[in-house]
N, C-alpha and C. Protein backbone atom coordinates (compact mmCIF):
# COMPACT_ATOMS: atom_id res chain seq x y z
N MET A 1 144.94 72.10 96.79
CA MET A 1 144.93 72.36 95.36
C MET A 1 145.64 73.69 95.13
N PRO A 2 146.54 73.78 94.18
CA PRO A 2 147.25 75.02 93.93
C PRO A 2 146.30 76.14 93.53
N SER A 3 146.63 77.34 93.95
CA SER A 3 145.85 78.49 93.54
C SER A 3 146.01 78.69 92.04
N LEU A 4 144.92 78.70 91.31
CA LEU A 4 145.03 78.87 89.87
C LEU A 4 144.18 80.02 89.38
N ILE A 5 142.89 79.97 89.58
CA ILE A 5 141.99 80.88 88.91
C ILE A 5 140.77 81.17 89.76
N PRO A 6 140.30 82.42 89.74
CA PRO A 6 139.03 82.68 90.41
C PRO A 6 137.90 82.09 89.57
N ILE A 7 137.42 80.91 89.95
CA ILE A 7 136.49 80.16 89.12
C ILE A 7 135.17 80.89 88.92
N ARG A 8 134.59 81.48 89.93
CA ARG A 8 133.27 82.09 89.82
C ARG A 8 133.21 83.11 88.69
N GLY A 9 134.14 84.04 88.67
CA GLY A 9 134.08 85.09 87.68
C GLY A 9 135.13 84.96 86.61
N ILE A 10 135.81 83.85 86.56
CA ILE A 10 136.92 83.65 85.65
C ILE A 10 137.86 84.84 85.84
N CYS A 11 138.05 85.70 84.85
CA CYS A 11 138.93 86.83 85.09
C CYS A 11 138.15 88.10 85.34
N LYS A 12 136.85 88.03 85.29
CA LYS A 12 136.00 89.20 85.53
C LYS A 12 135.45 89.13 86.94
N GLU A 13 135.41 90.24 87.57
CA GLU A 13 134.84 90.31 88.91
C GLU A 13 133.39 90.78 88.80
N GLY A 14 132.61 90.40 89.77
CA GLY A 14 131.28 90.95 89.90
C GLY A 14 130.21 90.39 88.98
N LEU A 15 130.38 89.15 88.48
CA LEU A 15 129.27 88.56 87.75
C LEU A 15 128.12 88.39 88.73
N PRO A 16 126.93 88.84 88.36
CA PRO A 16 125.81 88.78 89.31
C PRO A 16 125.41 87.34 89.62
N SER A 17 125.00 87.13 90.84
CA SER A 17 124.52 85.82 91.25
C SER A 17 123.00 85.83 91.21
N ARG A 18 122.44 85.05 90.33
CA ARG A 18 120.99 84.96 90.20
C ARG A 18 120.46 83.64 90.76
N SER A 19 121.36 82.78 91.19
CA SER A 19 120.97 81.43 91.56
C SER A 19 120.11 81.40 92.82
N ILE A 20 119.34 80.32 92.92
CA ILE A 20 118.53 80.11 94.12
C ILE A 20 119.01 78.90 94.90
N GLY A 21 120.02 78.21 94.35
CA GLY A 21 120.57 77.06 95.06
C GLY A 21 121.73 76.46 94.31
N ASN A 22 122.64 75.82 95.05
CA ASN A 22 123.81 75.20 94.45
C ASN A 22 124.20 74.00 95.29
N VAL A 23 124.59 72.94 94.60
CA VAL A 23 125.13 71.78 95.28
C VAL A 23 126.36 71.35 94.50
N SER A 24 127.40 70.94 95.20
CA SER A 24 128.61 70.52 94.51
C SER A 24 129.30 69.41 95.29
N VAL A 25 130.15 68.70 94.55
CA VAL A 25 130.96 67.65 95.16
C VAL A 25 132.34 67.72 94.52
N ASP A 26 133.37 67.48 95.32
CA ASP A 26 134.75 67.55 94.84
C ASP A 26 135.48 66.25 95.15
N PHE A 27 136.44 65.93 94.31
CA PHE A 27 137.30 64.77 94.49
C PHE A 27 138.72 65.21 94.21
N GLU A 28 139.65 64.76 95.02
CA GLU A 28 141.05 65.04 94.72
C GLU A 28 141.91 63.84 95.04
N SER A 29 142.99 63.72 94.26
CA SER A 29 143.92 62.62 94.43
C SER A 29 145.29 63.09 93.96
N GLY A 30 146.33 62.52 94.47
CA GLY A 30 147.66 62.84 93.99
C GLY A 30 148.30 64.07 94.59
N GLY A 31 147.78 64.58 95.68
CA GLY A 31 148.41 65.72 96.34
C GLY A 31 148.30 67.00 95.53
N LEU A 32 149.39 67.74 95.45
CA LEU A 32 149.38 69.05 94.77
C LEU A 32 149.24 68.96 93.26
N PHE A 33 149.41 67.78 92.69
CA PHE A 33 149.44 67.66 91.23
C PHE A 33 148.13 67.15 90.64
N GLY A 34 147.19 66.80 91.49
CA GLY A 34 145.89 66.35 91.01
C GLY A 34 145.89 64.90 90.61
N PRO A 35 144.81 64.46 90.11
CA PRO A 35 143.72 65.25 89.56
C PRO A 35 142.76 65.77 90.62
N PHE A 36 142.09 66.84 90.26
CA PHE A 36 141.04 67.44 91.06
C PHE A 36 139.80 67.47 90.18
N ILE A 37 138.70 66.98 90.69
CA ILE A 37 137.46 66.93 89.91
C ILE A 37 136.36 67.59 90.74
N SER A 38 135.56 68.38 90.07
CA SER A 38 134.45 69.05 90.74
C SER A 38 133.22 68.98 89.85
N GLU A 39 132.09 68.77 90.48
CA GLU A 39 130.81 68.73 89.78
C GLU A 39 129.85 69.61 90.57
N SER A 40 129.17 70.52 89.88
CA SER A 40 128.20 71.36 90.58
C SER A 40 126.95 71.55 89.75
N PHE A 41 125.86 71.76 90.47
CA PHE A 41 124.56 72.03 89.88
C PHE A 41 124.07 73.34 90.50
N THR A 42 123.79 74.31 89.66
CA THR A 42 123.29 75.60 90.14
C THR A 42 121.90 75.81 89.56
N ALA A 43 120.93 76.02 90.44
CA ALA A 43 119.55 76.22 90.02
C ALA A 43 119.23 77.71 89.98
N TYR A 44 118.45 78.09 88.98
CA TYR A 44 118.01 79.47 88.80
C TYR A 44 116.50 79.52 88.88
N PRO A 45 115.93 80.67 89.21
CA PRO A 45 114.48 80.75 89.35
C PRO A 45 113.72 80.57 88.04
N SER A 46 114.40 80.76 86.91
CA SER A 46 113.74 80.60 85.62
C SER A 46 114.77 80.21 84.56
N THR A 47 114.28 79.72 83.44
CA THR A 47 115.19 79.40 82.34
C THR A 47 115.87 80.66 81.81
N ASP A 48 115.18 81.79 81.86
CA ASP A 48 115.79 83.06 81.42
C ASP A 48 116.98 83.43 82.29
N ASP A 49 116.83 83.28 83.62
CA ASP A 49 117.95 83.58 84.53
C ASP A 49 119.10 82.62 84.31
N GLY A 50 118.80 81.34 84.10
CA GLY A 50 119.84 80.36 83.83
C GLY A 50 120.57 80.68 82.53
N SER A 51 119.82 81.03 81.51
CA SER A 51 120.41 81.35 80.21
C SER A 51 121.29 82.60 80.29
N LEU A 52 120.83 83.61 81.01
CA LEU A 52 121.63 84.83 81.16
C LEU A 52 122.94 84.55 81.89
N SER A 53 122.90 83.75 82.93
CA SER A 53 124.13 83.41 83.65
C SER A 53 125.06 82.58 82.77
N PHE A 54 124.51 81.66 82.00
CA PHE A 54 125.31 80.87 81.06
C PHE A 54 126.03 81.79 80.08
N VAL A 55 125.31 82.74 79.51
CA VAL A 55 125.90 83.69 78.55
C VAL A 55 127.02 84.50 79.21
N GLU A 56 126.82 84.91 80.46
CA GLU A 56 127.85 85.68 81.16
C GLU A 56 129.11 84.85 81.41
N TYR A 57 128.94 83.60 81.80
CA TYR A 57 130.11 82.72 81.98
C TYR A 57 130.85 82.54 80.66
N LYS A 58 130.11 82.27 79.61
CA LYS A 58 130.73 82.06 78.30
C LYS A 58 131.44 83.32 77.83
N SER A 59 130.83 84.46 78.02
CA SER A 59 131.44 85.73 77.64
C SER A 59 132.72 85.97 78.43
N ALA A 60 132.68 85.69 79.72
CA ALA A 60 133.89 85.88 80.54
C ALA A 60 135.02 84.99 80.06
N ALA A 61 134.71 83.75 79.70
CA ALA A 61 135.74 82.83 79.20
C ALA A 61 136.29 83.30 77.86
N ASN A 62 135.42 83.82 77.00
CA ASN A 62 135.86 84.27 75.68
C ASN A 62 136.55 85.62 75.69
N ASP A 63 136.20 86.48 76.65
CA ASP A 63 136.73 87.84 76.68
C ASP A 63 138.07 87.97 77.38
N CYS A 64 138.53 86.93 78.03
CA CYS A 64 139.76 87.02 78.82
C CYS A 64 140.76 85.94 78.41
N PRO A 65 141.39 86.07 77.26
CA PRO A 65 142.31 85.01 76.84
C PRO A 65 143.54 84.88 77.74
N GLN A 66 143.87 85.93 78.48
CA GLN A 66 144.93 85.80 79.48
C GLN A 66 144.87 86.94 80.47
N TRP A 67 145.34 86.67 81.68
CA TRP A 67 145.41 87.67 82.73
C TRP A 67 146.34 87.18 83.81
N ILE A 68 146.62 88.04 84.77
CA ILE A 68 147.49 87.70 85.90
C ILE A 68 146.61 87.40 87.11
N ALA A 69 146.75 86.20 87.66
CA ALA A 69 145.98 85.79 88.82
C ALA A 69 146.51 86.47 90.08
N GLU A 70 145.76 86.34 91.16
CA GLU A 70 146.14 86.95 92.43
C GLU A 70 147.51 86.49 92.91
N ASP A 71 147.91 85.26 92.57
CA ASP A 71 149.21 84.75 93.00
C ASP A 71 150.34 85.19 92.08
N GLY A 72 150.03 86.05 91.08
CA GLY A 72 151.04 86.59 90.19
C GLY A 72 151.34 85.74 88.96
N LYS A 73 150.68 84.60 88.85
CA LYS A 73 150.93 83.73 87.71
C LYS A 73 150.07 84.14 86.51
N GLU A 74 150.64 84.02 85.31
CA GLU A 74 149.89 84.31 84.11
C GLU A 74 148.98 83.13 83.78
N ILE A 75 147.72 83.43 83.51
CA ILE A 75 146.71 82.43 83.19
C ILE A 75 146.27 82.65 81.74
N THR A 76 146.15 81.57 80.98
CA THR A 76 145.60 81.67 79.64
C THR A 76 144.33 80.81 79.56
N ILE A 77 143.39 81.29 78.76
CA ILE A 77 142.15 80.56 78.53
C ILE A 77 142.05 80.26 77.05
N SER A 78 141.68 79.03 76.73
CA SER A 78 141.45 78.66 75.34
C SER A 78 140.23 77.75 75.27
N PRO A 79 139.50 77.82 74.16
CA PRO A 79 138.33 76.95 74.02
C PRO A 79 138.76 75.50 73.88
N LEU A 80 137.90 74.60 74.33
CA LEU A 80 138.12 73.17 74.17
C LEU A 80 137.06 72.62 73.22
N SER A 81 137.47 71.74 72.35
CA SER A 81 136.51 71.04 71.51
C SER A 81 135.83 70.00 72.38
N PHE A 82 134.51 70.03 72.39
CA PHE A 82 133.77 69.13 73.26
C PHE A 82 132.39 68.93 72.66
N PRO A 83 131.81 67.72 72.78
CA PRO A 83 130.46 67.50 72.24
C PRO A 83 129.44 68.44 72.87
N ALA A 84 128.40 68.75 72.14
CA ALA A 84 127.32 69.59 72.65
C ALA A 84 126.41 68.76 73.56
N TYR A 85 125.97 69.38 74.64
CA TYR A 85 125.06 68.75 75.58
C TYR A 85 124.01 69.74 76.00
N GLY A 86 122.88 69.24 76.50
CA GLY A 86 121.83 70.07 77.06
C GLY A 86 121.27 71.08 76.07
N ASP A 87 120.73 72.18 76.62
CA ASP A 87 120.20 73.25 75.79
C ASP A 87 121.33 74.06 75.17
N GLU A 88 122.39 74.25 75.94
CA GLU A 88 123.59 74.96 75.49
C GLU A 88 124.76 74.43 76.29
N SER A 89 125.95 74.46 75.70
CA SER A 89 127.14 74.04 76.44
C SER A 89 128.38 74.68 75.84
N PHE A 90 129.41 74.78 76.64
CA PHE A 90 130.72 75.21 76.16
C PHE A 90 131.79 74.64 77.07
N ALA A 91 132.99 74.56 76.53
CA ALA A 91 134.12 74.01 77.28
C ALA A 91 135.34 74.89 77.05
N PHE A 92 136.17 75.01 78.08
CA PHE A 92 137.38 75.80 77.95
C PHE A 92 138.46 75.25 78.87
N ARG A 93 139.70 75.62 78.55
CA ARG A 93 140.84 75.23 79.36
C ARG A 93 141.52 76.50 79.87
N MET A 94 141.85 76.49 81.15
CA MET A 94 142.69 77.53 81.74
C MET A 94 144.00 76.86 82.13
N ALA A 95 145.10 77.53 81.91
CA ALA A 95 146.41 76.97 82.25
C ALA A 95 147.32 78.07 82.77
N ASN A 96 148.15 77.73 83.74
CA ASN A 96 149.14 78.71 84.19
C ASN A 96 150.50 78.37 83.57
N GLU A 97 151.45 79.23 83.80
CA GLU A 97 152.77 79.09 83.17
C GLU A 97 153.54 77.87 83.67
N GLU A 98 153.07 77.25 84.75
CA GLU A 98 153.74 76.06 85.28
C GLU A 98 153.14 74.76 84.74
N GLY A 99 152.15 74.87 83.86
CA GLY A 99 151.57 73.69 83.25
C GLY A 99 150.36 73.12 83.97
N PHE A 100 149.92 73.78 85.03
CA PHE A 100 148.72 73.31 85.72
C PHE A 100 147.52 73.69 84.86
N THR A 101 146.66 72.72 84.54
CA THR A 101 145.51 72.99 83.69
C THR A 101 144.20 72.77 84.44
N PHE A 102 143.19 73.47 83.96
CA PHE A 102 141.86 73.43 84.55
C PHE A 102 140.89 73.37 83.37
N ASP A 103 140.29 72.22 83.12
CA ASP A 103 139.33 72.05 82.03
C ASP A 103 137.93 72.14 82.62
N ALA A 104 137.10 72.97 82.00
CA ALA A 104 135.74 73.16 82.49
C ALA A 104 134.74 72.96 81.37
N VAL A 105 133.64 72.33 81.72
CA VAL A 105 132.51 72.17 80.81
C VAL A 105 131.29 72.70 81.55
N LYS A 106 130.56 73.58 80.89
CA LYS A 106 129.33 74.14 81.46
C LYS A 106 128.19 73.77 80.53
N VAL A 107 127.13 73.21 81.13
CA VAL A 107 125.98 72.76 80.36
C VAL A 107 124.72 73.34 81.00
N LEU A 108 123.93 74.02 80.19
CA LEU A 108 122.66 74.55 80.66
C LEU A 108 121.55 73.59 80.25
N VAL A 109 120.76 73.18 81.24
CA VAL A 109 119.60 72.32 81.00
C VAL A 109 118.43 73.01 81.70
N GLY A 110 117.58 73.68 80.91
CA GLY A 110 116.47 74.43 81.51
C GLY A 110 117.00 75.52 82.41
N GLU A 111 116.62 75.45 83.68
CA GLU A 111 117.05 76.46 84.66
C GLU A 111 118.21 75.97 85.53
N VAL A 112 118.89 74.91 85.11
CA VAL A 112 120.01 74.35 85.88
C VAL A 112 121.30 74.44 85.06
N LEU A 113 122.33 74.99 85.68
CA LEU A 113 123.66 75.06 85.06
C LEU A 113 124.52 73.99 85.71
N VAL A 114 124.98 73.04 84.90
CA VAL A 114 125.84 71.96 85.37
C VAL A 114 127.27 72.31 85.00
N SER A 115 128.16 72.24 85.97
CA SER A 115 129.58 72.52 85.74
C SER A 115 130.39 71.31 86.16
N VAL A 116 131.28 70.89 85.26
CA VAL A 116 132.18 69.77 85.56
C VAL A 116 133.58 70.24 85.24
N THR A 117 134.46 70.17 86.24
CA THR A 117 135.84 70.60 86.03
C THR A 117 136.79 69.47 86.38
N GLN A 118 137.91 69.49 85.70
CA GLN A 118 138.99 68.53 85.94
C GLN A 118 140.28 69.35 85.87
N SER A 119 141.11 69.23 86.88
CA SER A 119 142.34 70.01 86.87
C SER A 119 143.50 69.20 87.42
N GLY A 120 144.69 69.68 87.10
CA GLY A 120 145.92 69.03 87.55
C GLY A 120 147.03 69.30 86.56
N LEU A 121 148.11 68.56 86.68
CA LEU A 121 149.21 68.72 85.72
C LEU A 121 148.88 68.08 84.39
N SER A 122 147.86 67.22 84.37
CA SER A 122 147.35 66.68 83.11
C SER A 122 145.86 66.45 83.28
N THR A 123 145.15 66.43 82.17
CA THR A 123 143.72 66.15 82.19
C THR A 123 143.42 65.11 81.12
N ASP A 124 142.28 64.45 81.26
CA ASP A 124 141.91 63.36 80.37
C ASP A 124 140.58 63.70 79.69
N PRO A 125 140.58 63.99 78.38
CA PRO A 125 139.34 64.36 77.68
C PRO A 125 138.26 63.28 77.74
N GLU A 126 138.64 62.01 77.66
CA GLU A 126 137.65 60.94 77.74
C GLU A 126 137.01 60.88 79.12
N LEU A 127 137.81 61.06 80.15
CA LEU A 127 137.27 61.10 81.50
C LEU A 127 136.33 62.29 81.64
N GLN A 128 136.71 63.43 81.10
CA GLN A 128 135.87 64.63 81.19
C GLN A 128 134.49 64.36 80.56
N GLN A 129 134.46 63.72 79.42
CA GLN A 129 133.20 63.42 78.75
C GLN A 129 132.35 62.46 79.59
N THR A 130 132.99 61.46 80.17
CA THR A 130 132.28 60.53 81.05
C THR A 130 131.71 61.25 82.26
N LEU A 131 132.50 62.14 82.84
CA LEU A 131 132.04 62.90 84.01
C LEU A 131 130.84 63.77 83.68
N VAL A 132 130.87 64.42 82.53
CA VAL A 132 129.75 65.27 82.11
C VAL A 132 128.50 64.42 81.90
N GLU A 133 128.64 63.30 81.22
CA GLU A 133 127.49 62.43 80.98
C GLU A 133 126.90 61.90 82.28
N GLU A 134 127.76 61.54 83.22
CA GLU A 134 127.29 61.06 84.52
C GLU A 134 126.57 62.17 85.28
N ALA A 135 127.10 63.37 85.24
CA ALA A 135 126.47 64.50 85.92
C ALA A 135 125.09 64.77 85.32
N LEU A 136 125.00 64.78 84.00
CA LEU A 136 123.73 65.05 83.33
C LEU A 136 122.70 63.96 83.60
N SER A 137 123.17 62.72 83.78
CA SER A 137 122.23 61.63 84.06
C SER A 137 121.54 61.84 85.41
N LYS A 138 122.13 62.58 86.31
CA LYS A 138 121.54 62.84 87.62
C LYS A 138 120.32 63.75 87.51
N LEU A 139 120.25 64.54 86.45
CA LEU A 139 119.10 65.43 86.28
C LEU A 139 117.84 64.63 85.92
N ASP A 140 118.01 63.45 85.39
CA ASP A 140 116.88 62.62 84.99
C ASP A 140 116.31 61.79 86.15
N ARG A 141 116.98 61.80 87.26
CA ARG A 141 116.55 60.95 88.40
C ARG A 141 115.46 61.60 89.18
């Protein structure tokens, strides 16, 4: 997968890690051009810790509309229109100057932060919504 963005801290370094566990799964197809799909579940010791981490992720996405990545490419972040899910949710797109995009949806459900990303030279909003709904259905099992 092409180097695009430091996902953990978006463009900010040093976001504190409050989690007590994380599980993720990745899928890729199409070589260097994607699509690349990732789903992760991060558990926090309390709903307060989960909420604080959610706020920090959202703030990082909103506070950094553009920056230069480690590979020297300019990255832009813009909000994505996306249905609301869970207790809180937000979606954003990161893109580099070569047209590689990274769409992310973060959903807080209690003390669990669910992240679903889709990246490549193109992304599919309908697929993204299906992926988020499938990920959230796993919390009910």
